[in-house]
N, C-alpha and C. Protein backbone atom coordinates (compact mmCIF):
# COMPACT_ATOMS: atom_id res chain seq x y z
N UNK A 1 0.83 -1.20 0.00
CA UNK A 1 0.00 0.00 0.00
C UNK A 1 0.87 1.26 0.00
N UNK A 2 1.93 1.25 0.83
CA UNK A 2 2.83 2.41 0.89
C UNK A 2 3.44 2.68 -0.48
N UNK A 3 3.96 1.64 -1.14
CA UNK A 3 4.59 1.82 -2.44
C UNK A 3 3.60 2.30 -3.48
N UNK A 4 2.41 1.75 -3.50
CA UNK A 4 1.39 2.17 -4.46
C UNK A 4 1.05 3.64 -4.28
N UNK A 5 0.94 4.07 -3.02
CA UNK A 5 0.61 5.47 -2.74
C UNK A 5 1.73 6.40 -3.18
N UNK A 6 2.97 6.03 -2.86
CA UNK A 6 4.11 6.87 -3.22
C UNK A 6 4.29 6.95 -4.73
N UNK A 7 4.12 5.86 -5.42
CA UNK A 7 4.30 5.86 -6.87
C UNK A 7 3.21 6.67 -7.56
N UNK A 8 2.01 6.68 -7.00
CA UNK A 8 0.92 7.45 -7.60
C UNK A 8 1.16 8.94 -7.49
N UNK A 9 2.02 9.37 -6.55
CA UNK A 9 2.34 10.78 -6.40
C UNK A 9 3.38 11.24 -7.40
N UNK A 10 4.08 10.28 -8.01
CA UNK A 10 5.13 10.60 -8.96
C UNK A 10 4.50 11.05 -10.27
N UNK A 11 4.84 12.28 -10.72
CA UNK A 11 4.23 12.85 -11.92
C UNK A 11 4.56 12.06 -13.17
N UNK A 12 5.64 11.28 -13.15
CA UNK A 12 6.03 10.53 -14.34
C UNK A 12 5.21 9.26 -14.52
N UNK A 13 4.45 8.90 -13.50
CA UNK A 13 3.65 7.69 -13.59
C UNK A 13 2.27 8.06 -14.12
N UNK A 14 1.96 7.67 -15.35
CA UNK A 14 0.68 7.99 -15.98
C UNK A 14 0.02 6.70 -16.44
N UNK A 15 -1.10 6.86 -17.12
CA UNK A 15 -1.82 5.69 -17.59
C UNK A 15 -1.04 4.92 -18.65
N UNK A 16 -0.02 5.57 -19.25
CA UNK A 16 0.80 4.90 -20.27
C UNK A 16 1.94 4.11 -19.66
N UNK A 17 2.08 4.16 -18.34
CA UNK A 17 3.21 3.52 -17.67
C UNK A 17 2.76 2.28 -16.91
N UNK A 18 3.46 1.18 -17.14
CA UNK A 18 3.20 -0.05 -16.40
C UNK A 18 4.20 -0.11 -15.24
N UNK A 19 3.69 -0.23 -14.02
CA UNK A 19 4.53 -0.18 -12.83
C UNK A 19 4.53 -1.53 -12.12
N UNK A 20 5.71 -1.98 -11.75
CA UNK A 20 5.83 -3.18 -10.91
C UNK A 20 7.04 -2.98 -10.01
N UNK A 21 7.08 -3.72 -8.91
CA UNK A 21 8.23 -3.58 -8.01
C UNK A 21 8.50 -4.89 -7.30
N UNK A 22 9.76 -5.01 -6.85
CA UNK A 22 10.19 -6.22 -6.17
C UNK A 22 10.95 -5.84 -4.91
N UNK A 23 10.47 -6.30 -3.78
CA UNK A 23 11.10 -6.00 -2.49
C UNK A 23 12.19 -7.02 -2.20
N UNK A 24 13.29 -6.53 -1.64
CA UNK A 24 14.34 -7.44 -1.22
C UNK A 24 13.94 -8.12 0.09
N UNK A 25 14.36 -9.35 0.26
CA UNK A 25 14.03 -10.07 1.49
C UNK A 25 14.91 -9.57 2.64
N UNK A 26 14.30 -9.47 3.82
CA UNK A 26 15.05 -9.07 5.00
C UNK A 26 15.95 -10.21 5.45
N UNK A 27 17.05 -9.84 6.05
CA UNK A 27 18.00 -10.82 6.57
C UNK A 27 17.31 -11.67 7.64
N UNK A 28 17.26 -12.97 7.41
CA UNK A 28 16.58 -13.86 8.36
C UNK A 28 17.25 -13.92 9.72
N UNK A 29 18.48 -13.42 9.83
CA UNK A 29 19.19 -13.44 11.12
C UNK A 29 18.80 -12.28 12.02
N UNK A 30 18.03 -11.34 11.48
CA UNK A 30 17.61 -10.20 12.30
C UNK A 30 16.70 -10.66 13.43
N UNK A 31 16.99 -10.20 14.63
CA UNK A 31 16.16 -10.49 15.80
C UNK A 31 15.65 -9.18 16.37
N UNK A 32 14.50 -8.76 15.86
CA UNK A 32 13.92 -7.48 16.28
C UNK A 32 12.81 -7.72 17.29
N UNK A 33 12.75 -6.90 18.32
CA UNK A 33 11.64 -7.04 19.27
C UNK A 33 10.32 -6.69 18.60
N UNK A 34 9.26 -7.32 19.02
CA UNK A 34 7.94 -7.05 18.45
C UNK A 34 7.58 -5.59 18.65
N UNK A 35 6.99 -4.99 17.64
CA UNK A 35 6.58 -3.59 17.73
C UNK A 35 5.12 -3.55 18.16
N UNK A 36 4.79 -2.80 19.23
CA UNK A 36 3.41 -2.76 19.73
C UNK A 36 2.45 -2.03 18.80
N UNK A 37 2.99 -1.35 17.80
CA UNK A 37 2.15 -0.65 16.85
C UNK A 37 2.63 -0.99 15.43
N UNK A 38 1.87 -0.58 14.44
CA UNK A 38 2.22 -0.89 13.06
C UNK A 38 3.51 -0.17 12.68
N UNK A 39 4.53 -0.90 12.23
CA UNK A 39 5.79 -0.25 11.82
C UNK A 39 5.54 0.73 10.67
N UNK A 40 6.36 1.75 10.62
CA UNK A 40 6.24 2.79 9.60
C UNK A 40 7.27 2.55 8.49
N UNK A 41 6.80 2.62 7.25
CA UNK A 41 7.68 2.51 6.08
C UNK A 41 7.93 3.91 5.54
N UNK A 42 9.19 4.24 5.22
CA UNK A 42 9.50 5.59 4.74
C UNK A 42 10.63 5.53 3.72
N UNK A 43 10.73 6.63 2.97
CA UNK A 43 11.81 6.78 1.98
C UNK A 43 12.86 7.71 2.60
N UNK A 44 14.08 7.23 2.87
CA UNK A 44 15.09 8.04 3.55
C UNK A 44 15.43 9.34 2.85
N UNK A 45 15.56 9.30 1.52
CA UNK A 45 15.97 10.49 0.79
C UNK A 45 15.14 10.63 -0.49
N UNK A 46 14.65 11.85 -0.72
CA UNK A 46 13.94 12.13 -1.96
C UNK A 46 12.66 11.34 -2.10
N UNK A 47 12.39 10.88 -3.31
CA UNK A 47 11.18 10.12 -3.60
C UNK A 47 11.55 8.87 -4.39
N UNK A 48 10.60 7.98 -4.50
CA UNK A 48 10.85 6.75 -5.24
C UNK A 48 11.01 7.04 -6.72
N UNK A 49 11.90 6.30 -7.36
CA UNK A 49 12.16 6.48 -8.78
C UNK A 49 12.37 5.12 -9.41
N UNK A 50 12.40 5.11 -10.74
CA UNK A 50 12.65 3.86 -11.45
C UNK A 50 14.03 3.34 -11.10
N UNK A 51 14.14 2.02 -10.93
CA UNK A 51 15.42 1.43 -10.56
C UNK A 51 15.46 1.03 -9.10
N UNK A 52 16.64 0.95 -8.54
CA UNK A 52 16.83 0.50 -7.16
C UNK A 52 16.65 1.66 -6.18
N UNK A 53 15.88 1.44 -5.12
CA UNK A 53 15.60 2.45 -4.10
C UNK A 53 15.85 1.86 -2.71
N UNK A 54 16.13 2.73 -1.77
CA UNK A 54 16.27 2.32 -0.37
C UNK A 54 14.99 2.66 0.39
N UNK A 55 14.51 1.72 1.16
CA UNK A 55 13.33 1.93 2.01
C UNK A 55 13.73 1.75 3.47
N UNK A 56 13.12 2.55 4.32
CA UNK A 56 13.34 2.41 5.76
C UNK A 56 12.09 1.86 6.43
N UNK A 57 12.27 1.06 7.46
CA UNK A 57 11.16 0.52 8.26
C UNK A 57 11.50 0.79 9.72
N UNK A 58 10.60 1.44 10.44
CA UNK A 58 10.92 1.78 11.82
C UNK A 58 9.73 1.56 12.75
N UNK A 59 10.08 1.28 13.97
CA UNK A 59 9.10 1.17 15.03
C UNK A 59 9.30 2.36 15.95
N UNK A 60 8.25 3.18 16.11
CA UNK A 60 8.37 4.41 16.88
C UNK A 60 8.08 4.21 18.37
N UNK A 61 7.90 2.99 18.79
CA UNK A 61 7.63 2.72 20.21
C UNK A 61 8.88 2.98 21.04
N UNK A 62 8.71 2.99 22.35
CA UNK A 62 9.85 3.14 23.25
C UNK A 62 10.86 2.03 22.98
N UNK A 63 12.13 2.39 22.87
CA UNK A 63 13.19 1.46 22.49
C UNK A 63 12.87 0.80 21.16
N UNK A 64 12.39 1.66 20.26
CA UNK A 64 12.05 1.17 18.92
C UNK A 64 13.29 0.87 18.10
N UNK A 65 13.10 0.62 16.84
CA UNK A 65 14.21 0.25 15.98
C UNK A 65 13.95 0.76 14.56
N UNK A 66 15.02 0.81 13.79
CA UNK A 66 14.95 1.20 12.37
C UNK A 66 15.85 0.28 11.56
N UNK A 67 15.33 -0.24 10.48
CA UNK A 67 16.12 -1.05 9.57
C UNK A 67 15.91 -0.54 8.15
N UNK A 68 16.81 -0.95 7.25
CA UNK A 68 16.72 -0.51 5.87
C UNK A 68 16.72 -1.71 4.92
N UNK A 69 15.97 -1.58 3.87
CA UNK A 69 15.91 -2.61 2.85
C UNK A 69 15.90 -1.92 1.49
N UNK A 70 15.71 -2.65 0.44
CA UNK A 70 15.68 -2.05 -0.89
C UNK A 70 14.50 -2.57 -1.69
N UNK A 71 14.10 -1.77 -2.67
CA UNK A 71 13.03 -2.15 -3.57
C UNK A 71 13.44 -1.73 -4.97
N UNK A 72 13.24 -2.61 -5.93
CA UNK A 72 13.53 -2.30 -7.33
C UNK A 72 12.21 -2.02 -8.05
N UNK A 73 12.10 -0.82 -8.57
CA UNK A 73 10.87 -0.39 -9.24
C UNK A 73 11.07 -0.42 -10.76
N UNK A 74 10.17 -1.06 -11.44
CA UNK A 74 10.21 -1.16 -12.89
C UNK A 74 9.11 -0.30 -13.47
N UNK A 75 9.49 0.71 -14.25
CA UNK A 75 8.53 1.59 -14.92
C UNK A 75 8.70 1.41 -16.42
N UNK A 76 7.73 0.79 -17.03
CA UNK A 76 7.77 0.57 -18.48
C UNK A 76 6.85 1.58 -19.15
N UNK A 77 7.41 2.40 -20.05
CA UNK A 77 6.63 3.43 -20.73
C UNK A 77 7.10 3.57 -22.17
N UNK A 78 6.28 4.15 -23.04
CA UNK A 78 6.70 4.36 -24.42
C UNK A 78 7.76 5.46 -24.50
N UNK A 79 8.88 5.17 -25.13
CA UNK A 79 9.94 6.15 -25.36
C UNK A 79 10.27 6.16 -26.85
N UNK A 80 10.89 7.23 -27.29
CA UNK A 80 11.19 7.38 -28.71
C UNK A 80 12.47 6.64 -29.11
N UNK A 81 12.38 5.91 -30.21
CA UNK A 81 13.55 5.28 -30.82
C UNK A 81 13.53 5.61 -32.31
N UNK A 82 14.66 5.38 -32.97
CA UNK A 82 14.75 5.67 -34.39
C UNK A 82 14.04 4.59 -35.20
N UNK A 83 13.10 5.00 -36.03
CA UNK A 83 12.41 4.07 -36.92
C UNK A 83 13.28 3.74 -38.13
N UNK A 84 14.16 4.66 -38.48
CA UNK A 84 15.10 4.45 -39.58
C UNK A 84 16.37 5.23 -39.27
N UNK A 85 17.44 4.88 -39.93
CA UNK A 85 18.73 5.51 -39.63
C UNK A 85 18.75 6.97 -40.06
N UNK A 86 19.64 7.73 -39.46
CA UNK A 86 19.78 9.16 -39.75
C UNK A 86 21.27 9.49 -39.77
N UNK A 87 21.73 10.10 -40.86
CA UNK A 87 23.14 10.46 -40.97
C UNK A 87 23.45 11.74 -40.22
N UNK A 88 24.69 11.91 -39.86
CA UNK A 88 25.13 13.13 -39.19
C UNK A 88 24.82 14.33 -40.09
N UNK A 89 24.24 15.37 -39.50
CA UNK A 89 23.92 16.58 -40.24
C UNK A 89 22.54 16.59 -40.86
N UNK A 90 21.87 15.43 -40.92
CA UNK A 90 20.51 15.37 -41.48
C UNK A 90 19.48 15.79 -40.45
N UNK A 91 18.38 16.33 -40.95
CA UNK A 91 17.31 16.78 -40.04
C UNK A 91 16.38 15.62 -39.68
N UNK A 92 15.92 15.65 -38.45
CA UNK A 92 15.02 14.62 -37.95
C UNK A 92 13.58 14.98 -38.29
N UNK A 93 12.84 14.03 -38.84
CA UNK A 93 11.41 14.22 -39.16
C UNK A 93 10.60 13.17 -38.42
N UNK A 94 9.28 13.31 -38.48
CA UNK A 94 8.40 12.34 -37.81
C UNK A 94 8.59 10.93 -38.37
N UNK A 95 8.96 10.84 -39.64
CA UNK A 95 9.14 9.53 -40.26
C UNK A 95 10.33 8.77 -39.66
N UNK A 96 11.22 9.50 -39.02
CA UNK A 96 12.40 8.86 -38.43
C UNK A 96 12.10 8.26 -37.05
N UNK A 97 10.92 8.53 -36.51
CA UNK A 97 10.65 8.19 -35.12
C UNK A 97 9.55 7.14 -34.96
N UNK A 98 9.66 6.39 -33.89
CA UNK A 98 8.58 5.50 -33.46
C UNK A 98 8.70 5.32 -31.95
N UNK A 99 7.62 4.84 -31.34
CA UNK A 99 7.61 4.59 -29.89
C UNK A 99 7.88 3.12 -29.61
N UNK A 100 8.59 2.88 -28.52
CA UNK A 100 8.84 1.52 -28.06
C UNK A 100 8.78 1.52 -26.54
N UNK A 101 8.10 0.52 -25.96
CA UNK A 101 8.00 0.45 -24.51
C UNK A 101 9.30 -0.10 -23.92
N UNK A 102 9.82 0.62 -22.93
CA UNK A 102 11.07 0.23 -22.28
C UNK A 102 11.00 0.52 -20.78
N UNK A 103 11.82 -0.18 -20.03
CA UNK A 103 11.97 0.08 -18.60
C UNK A 103 12.90 1.27 -18.44
N UNK A 104 12.35 2.43 -18.06
CA UNK A 104 13.16 3.65 -18.02
C UNK A 104 14.20 3.62 -16.91
N UNK A 105 14.05 2.71 -15.96
CA UNK A 105 15.07 2.58 -14.93
C UNK A 105 16.38 2.06 -15.46
N UNK A 106 16.37 1.48 -16.65
CA UNK A 106 17.59 0.96 -17.27
C UNK A 106 18.20 1.93 -18.27
N UNK A 107 17.51 3.04 -18.52
CA UNK A 107 17.98 4.01 -19.53
C UNK A 107 18.80 5.09 -18.84
N UNK A 108 19.99 4.73 -18.40
CA UNK A 108 20.82 5.64 -17.61
C UNK A 108 21.36 6.82 -18.42
N UNK A 109 21.41 6.70 -19.74
CA UNK A 109 21.93 7.78 -20.57
C UNK A 109 20.84 8.78 -20.97
N UNK A 110 19.62 8.56 -20.50
CA UNK A 110 18.52 9.46 -20.81
C UNK A 110 17.62 8.92 -21.91
N UNK A 111 16.43 9.49 -22.01
CA UNK A 111 15.45 9.07 -23.01
C UNK A 111 14.54 10.26 -23.31
N UNK A 112 13.65 10.08 -24.27
CA UNK A 112 12.75 11.16 -24.66
C UNK A 112 11.39 10.59 -25.04
N UNK A 113 10.33 11.29 -24.62
CA UNK A 113 8.97 10.89 -24.97
C UNK A 113 8.27 11.93 -25.83
N UNK A 114 8.73 13.18 -25.77
CA UNK A 114 8.10 14.27 -26.52
C UNK A 114 8.89 14.58 -27.79
N UNK A 115 8.37 14.24 -28.96
CA UNK A 115 9.13 14.45 -30.21
C UNK A 115 9.36 15.91 -30.55
N UNK A 116 8.51 16.81 -30.03
CA UNK A 116 8.65 18.23 -30.36
C UNK A 116 9.99 18.81 -29.93
N UNK A 117 10.65 18.16 -28.99
CA UNK A 117 11.94 18.66 -28.49
C UNK A 117 13.09 18.42 -29.46
N UNK A 118 12.89 17.53 -30.45
CA UNK A 118 13.98 17.21 -31.37
C UNK A 118 13.60 17.31 -32.85
N UNK A 119 12.32 17.40 -33.17
CA UNK A 119 11.90 17.46 -34.56
C UNK A 119 12.54 18.65 -35.29
N UNK A 120 12.99 18.40 -36.51
CA UNK A 120 13.62 19.40 -37.39
C UNK A 120 15.01 19.83 -36.92
N UNK A 121 15.53 19.18 -35.89
CA UNK A 121 16.92 19.42 -35.51
C UNK A 121 17.81 18.46 -36.28
N UNK A 122 19.10 18.78 -36.37
CA UNK A 122 19.99 17.93 -37.14
C UNK A 122 20.82 17.04 -36.22
N UNK A 123 21.13 15.87 -36.71
CA UNK A 123 21.87 14.89 -35.91
C UNK A 123 23.33 15.29 -35.77
N UNK A 124 23.86 15.14 -34.57
CA UNK A 124 25.27 15.43 -34.31
C UNK A 124 26.14 14.21 -34.59
N UNK A 125 25.50 13.06 -34.82
CA UNK A 125 26.22 11.82 -35.08
C UNK A 125 25.29 10.88 -35.85
N UNK A 126 25.84 9.82 -36.39
CA UNK A 126 25.03 8.84 -37.10
C UNK A 126 24.18 8.06 -36.08
N UNK A 127 22.89 7.89 -36.38
CA UNK A 127 21.98 7.15 -35.52
C UNK A 127 21.37 6.01 -36.32
N UNK A 128 21.53 4.81 -35.84
CA UNK A 128 21.02 3.64 -36.54
C UNK A 128 19.56 3.39 -36.18
N UNK A 129 18.86 2.64 -37.01
CA UNK A 129 17.47 2.26 -36.73
C UNK A 129 17.42 1.48 -35.42
N UNK A 130 16.45 1.84 -34.56
CA UNK A 130 16.32 1.18 -33.27
C UNK A 130 17.06 1.87 -32.14
N UNK A 131 17.92 2.85 -32.47
CA UNK A 131 18.68 3.57 -31.44
C UNK A 131 17.75 4.42 -30.59
N UNK A 132 18.05 4.53 -29.32
CA UNK A 132 17.27 5.37 -28.42
C UNK A 132 17.48 6.83 -28.78
N UNK A 133 16.41 7.61 -28.75
CA UNK A 133 16.49 9.03 -29.08
C UNK A 133 16.85 9.81 -27.80
N UNK A 134 17.93 10.55 -27.88
CA UNK A 134 18.40 11.35 -26.75
C UNK A 134 18.60 12.78 -27.22
N UNK A 135 18.08 13.79 -26.50
CA UNK A 135 18.24 15.18 -26.94
C UNK A 135 19.68 15.59 -27.16
N UNK A 136 20.61 14.93 -26.46
CA UNK A 136 22.03 15.28 -26.60
C UNK A 136 22.58 14.96 -27.98
N UNK A 137 21.86 14.14 -28.74
CA UNK A 137 22.33 13.73 -30.06
C UNK A 137 21.95 14.72 -31.16
N UNK A 138 21.24 15.81 -30.80
CA UNK A 138 20.71 16.72 -31.82
C UNK A 138 21.07 18.16 -31.49
N UNK A 139 21.08 18.99 -32.52
CA UNK A 139 21.36 20.42 -32.36
C UNK A 139 20.54 21.21 -33.38
N UNK A 140 20.44 22.51 -33.15
CA UNK A 140 19.70 23.36 -34.09
C UNK A 140 20.34 23.27 -35.46
N UNK A 141 19.54 23.25 -36.53
CA UNK A 141 20.10 23.08 -37.89
C UNK A 141 20.80 24.34 -38.38
N UNK A 142 21.72 24.16 -39.31
CA UNK A 142 22.35 25.29 -40.00
C UNK A 142 21.36 25.85 -41.01
N UNK A 143 21.06 27.15 -40.88
CA UNK A 143 20.16 27.80 -41.83
C UNK A 143 20.92 28.37 -43.03
N UNK A 144 22.22 28.57 -42.83
CA UNK A 144 23.08 29.07 -43.90
C UNK A 144 24.28 28.15 -44.01
N UNK A 145 24.65 27.81 -45.25
CA UNK A 145 25.80 26.94 -45.50
C UNK A 145 26.98 27.73 -46.06
N UNK A 146 28.16 27.31 -45.71
CA UNK A 146 29.38 27.94 -46.25
C UNK A 146 29.37 27.88 -47.77
N UNK A 147 29.69 29.01 -48.40
CA UNK A 147 29.72 29.10 -49.86
C UNK A 147 28.39 29.47 -50.48
N UNK A 148 27.35 29.57 -49.65
CA UNK A 148 26.00 29.89 -50.15
C UNK A 148 25.86 31.39 -50.41
N UNK A 149 25.15 31.73 -51.48
CA UNK A 149 24.82 33.12 -51.76
C UNK A 149 23.70 33.54 -50.81
N UNK A 150 23.91 34.64 -50.09
CA UNK A 150 22.91 35.10 -49.12
C UNK A 150 22.58 36.58 -49.37
N UNK A 151 21.45 36.95 -48.88
CA UNK A 151 21.04 38.36 -48.90
C UNK A 151 21.49 39.01 -47.60
N UNK A 152 22.23 40.10 -47.72
CA UNK A 152 22.68 40.85 -46.54
C UNK A 152 21.75 42.05 -46.38
N UNK A 153 21.15 42.16 -45.23
CA UNK A 153 20.20 43.24 -44.99
C UNK A 153 20.72 44.10 -43.84
N UNK A 154 20.92 45.39 -44.15
CA UNK A 154 21.34 46.36 -43.14
C UNK A 154 20.18 47.32 -42.93
N UNK A 155 19.79 47.49 -41.67
CA UNK A 155 18.65 48.37 -41.44
C UNK A 155 18.76 49.06 -40.08
N UNK A 156 18.05 50.18 -40.00
CA UNK A 156 17.92 50.92 -38.74
C UNK A 156 16.49 51.45 -38.72
N UNK A 157 16.21 52.35 -37.80
CA UNK A 157 14.87 52.92 -37.71
C UNK A 157 14.54 53.82 -38.89
N UNK A 158 15.58 54.30 -39.61
CA UNK A 158 15.33 55.27 -40.69
C UNK A 158 15.65 54.75 -42.08
N UNK A 159 16.34 53.61 -42.22
CA UNK A 159 16.65 53.12 -43.56
C UNK A 159 16.82 51.61 -43.56
N UNK A 160 16.82 51.05 -44.78
CA UNK A 160 17.06 49.63 -44.96
C UNK A 160 17.75 49.42 -46.30
N UNK A 161 18.87 48.71 -46.29
CA UNK A 161 19.65 48.47 -47.50
C UNK A 161 19.88 46.97 -47.63
N UNK A 162 19.78 46.46 -48.85
CA UNK A 162 20.03 45.04 -49.11
C UNK A 162 21.16 44.89 -50.12
N UNK A 163 21.97 43.88 -49.93
CA UNK A 163 23.07 43.59 -50.85
C UNK A 163 23.28 42.08 -50.88
N UNK A 164 24.13 41.63 -51.75
CA UNK A 164 24.37 40.20 -51.91
C UNK A 164 25.74 39.82 -51.37
N UNK A 165 25.81 38.68 -50.73
CA UNK A 165 27.08 38.23 -50.17
C UNK A 165 27.25 36.73 -50.28
N UNK A 166 28.42 36.27 -49.86
CA UNK A 166 28.72 34.84 -49.82
C UNK A 166 29.04 34.46 -48.38
N UNK A 167 28.35 33.47 -47.86
CA UNK A 167 28.62 33.00 -46.50
C UNK A 167 29.97 32.29 -46.47
N UNK A 168 30.80 32.66 -45.52
CA UNK A 168 32.13 32.06 -45.39
C UNK A 168 32.16 30.96 -44.34
N UNK A 169 31.00 30.68 -43.72
CA UNK A 169 30.91 29.62 -42.72
C UNK A 169 29.44 29.22 -42.56
N UNK A 170 29.21 28.07 -41.99
CA UNK A 170 27.85 27.65 -41.67
C UNK A 170 27.30 28.50 -40.54
N UNK A 171 25.98 28.64 -40.48
CA UNK A 171 25.40 29.45 -39.41
C UNK A 171 24.02 28.97 -38.99
N UNK A 172 23.78 28.98 -37.69
CA UNK A 172 22.47 28.63 -37.13
C UNK A 172 21.70 29.92 -36.84
N UNK A 173 20.42 29.79 -36.53
CA UNK A 173 19.58 30.94 -36.24
C UNK A 173 20.18 31.77 -35.10
N UNK A 174 20.35 33.08 -35.36
CA UNK A 174 20.87 33.99 -34.34
C UNK A 174 22.38 34.01 -34.21
N UNK A 175 23.07 33.15 -34.95
CA UNK A 175 24.53 33.08 -34.85
C UNK A 175 25.18 34.12 -35.75
N UNK A 176 26.28 34.72 -35.28
CA UNK A 176 27.06 35.66 -36.09
C UNK A 176 28.05 34.88 -36.93
N UNK A 177 28.06 35.16 -38.22
CA UNK A 177 28.99 34.48 -39.12
C UNK A 177 29.69 35.52 -40.00
N UNK A 178 30.80 35.09 -40.62
CA UNK A 178 31.53 35.95 -41.55
C UNK A 178 30.91 35.83 -42.94
N UNK A 179 30.67 36.99 -43.56
CA UNK A 179 30.06 37.04 -44.89
C UNK A 179 30.87 38.01 -45.75
N UNK A 180 31.07 37.62 -47.00
CA UNK A 180 31.81 38.49 -47.93
C UNK A 180 30.83 39.22 -48.84
N UNK A 181 30.89 40.55 -48.80
CA UNK A 181 30.06 41.38 -49.68
C UNK A 181 30.60 41.23 -51.10
N UNK A 182 29.76 40.74 -52.03
CA UNK A 182 30.22 40.47 -53.39
C UNK A 182 30.63 41.75 -54.11
N UNK A 183 29.90 42.83 -53.88
CA UNK A 183 30.19 44.08 -54.58
C UNK A 183 31.47 44.74 -54.08
N UNK A 184 31.62 44.87 -52.76
CA UNK A 184 32.77 45.58 -52.19
C UNK A 184 33.95 44.68 -51.86
N UNK A 185 33.72 43.33 -51.87
CA UNK A 185 34.74 42.34 -51.50
C UNK A 185 35.09 42.41 -50.00
N UNK A 186 34.34 43.19 -49.27
CA UNK A 186 34.61 43.36 -47.84
C UNK A 186 34.00 42.20 -47.03
N UNK A 187 34.75 41.74 -46.03
CA UNK A 187 34.25 40.68 -45.16
C UNK A 187 33.66 41.30 -43.90
N UNK A 188 32.44 40.94 -43.57
CA UNK A 188 31.73 41.53 -42.44
C UNK A 188 31.18 40.42 -41.54
N UNK A 189 30.75 40.82 -40.35
CA UNK A 189 30.05 39.93 -39.43
C UNK A 189 28.56 40.20 -39.56
N UNK A 190 27.77 39.15 -39.74
CA UNK A 190 26.32 39.32 -39.87
C UNK A 190 25.62 38.21 -39.11
N UNK A 191 24.40 38.48 -38.70
CA UNK A 191 23.63 37.52 -37.91
C UNK A 191 22.64 36.76 -38.80
N UNK A 192 22.59 35.46 -38.62
CA UNK A 192 21.67 34.63 -39.40
C UNK A 192 20.23 34.88 -38.93
N UNK A 193 19.37 35.29 -39.86
CA UNK A 193 17.97 35.59 -39.52
C UNK A 193 17.03 34.48 -39.98
N UNK A 194 17.31 33.91 -41.14
CA UNK A 194 16.52 32.79 -41.67
C UNK A 194 17.30 32.23 -42.85
N UNK A 195 16.84 31.14 -43.45
CA UNK A 195 17.59 30.59 -44.59
C UNK A 195 17.81 31.63 -45.68
N UNK A 196 19.08 31.84 -46.06
CA UNK A 196 19.40 32.75 -47.14
C UNK A 196 19.44 34.22 -46.76
N UNK A 197 19.23 34.55 -45.47
CA UNK A 197 19.21 35.95 -45.05
C UNK A 197 20.05 36.17 -43.80
N UNK A 198 20.95 37.17 -43.88
CA UNK A 198 21.72 37.61 -42.71
C UNK A 198 21.52 39.09 -42.53
N UNK A 199 21.64 39.57 -41.32
CA UNK A 199 21.38 40.98 -41.04
C UNK A 199 22.54 41.63 -40.30
N UNK A 200 22.70 42.90 -40.51
CA UNK A 200 23.63 43.72 -39.75
C UNK A 200 22.89 44.96 -39.29
N UNK A 201 23.31 45.48 -38.15
CA UNK A 201 22.60 46.64 -37.58
C UNK A 201 23.56 47.78 -37.32
């Protein structure tokens, strides 16, 4: 009853999660005096989580006692895995993803259930089909590629000027990159605003 109550308080436990647990057996050599009241079960630190946990059992009576045991909690829930392989630098789409039920207590490197956190981001490494999806494997995509012709837009509150340039490096949204003005041959720093457009102020 204690474990069921504690697990129900955990926000990660939803109707999509299958929960089971296994209590470790107490040492049969323990010789504890009978407790005149119902012993109290408690979690020494934090809250219960997937994997191995420590539980405390204590008798609050006069000359009571406290012992510790362990419980292994198994939380099986749908997590994202790769439905097909993805090369480094390629963008992730919905077609690349599928859900698979796994015991999250065994996923020590992290996992993901919400695809919105990684969709349209580019892979930092090659990911094979069936690989677990981890946010650490993805980054914001390059909106501008080195050698690409871009529009350079300079503007203020009173004017706006556009010119053509060549990107000298890759650039993500909001990143400052070096751009060569085709007309003047001058190299400037400009901020990536969207695909094919950089701005200076």
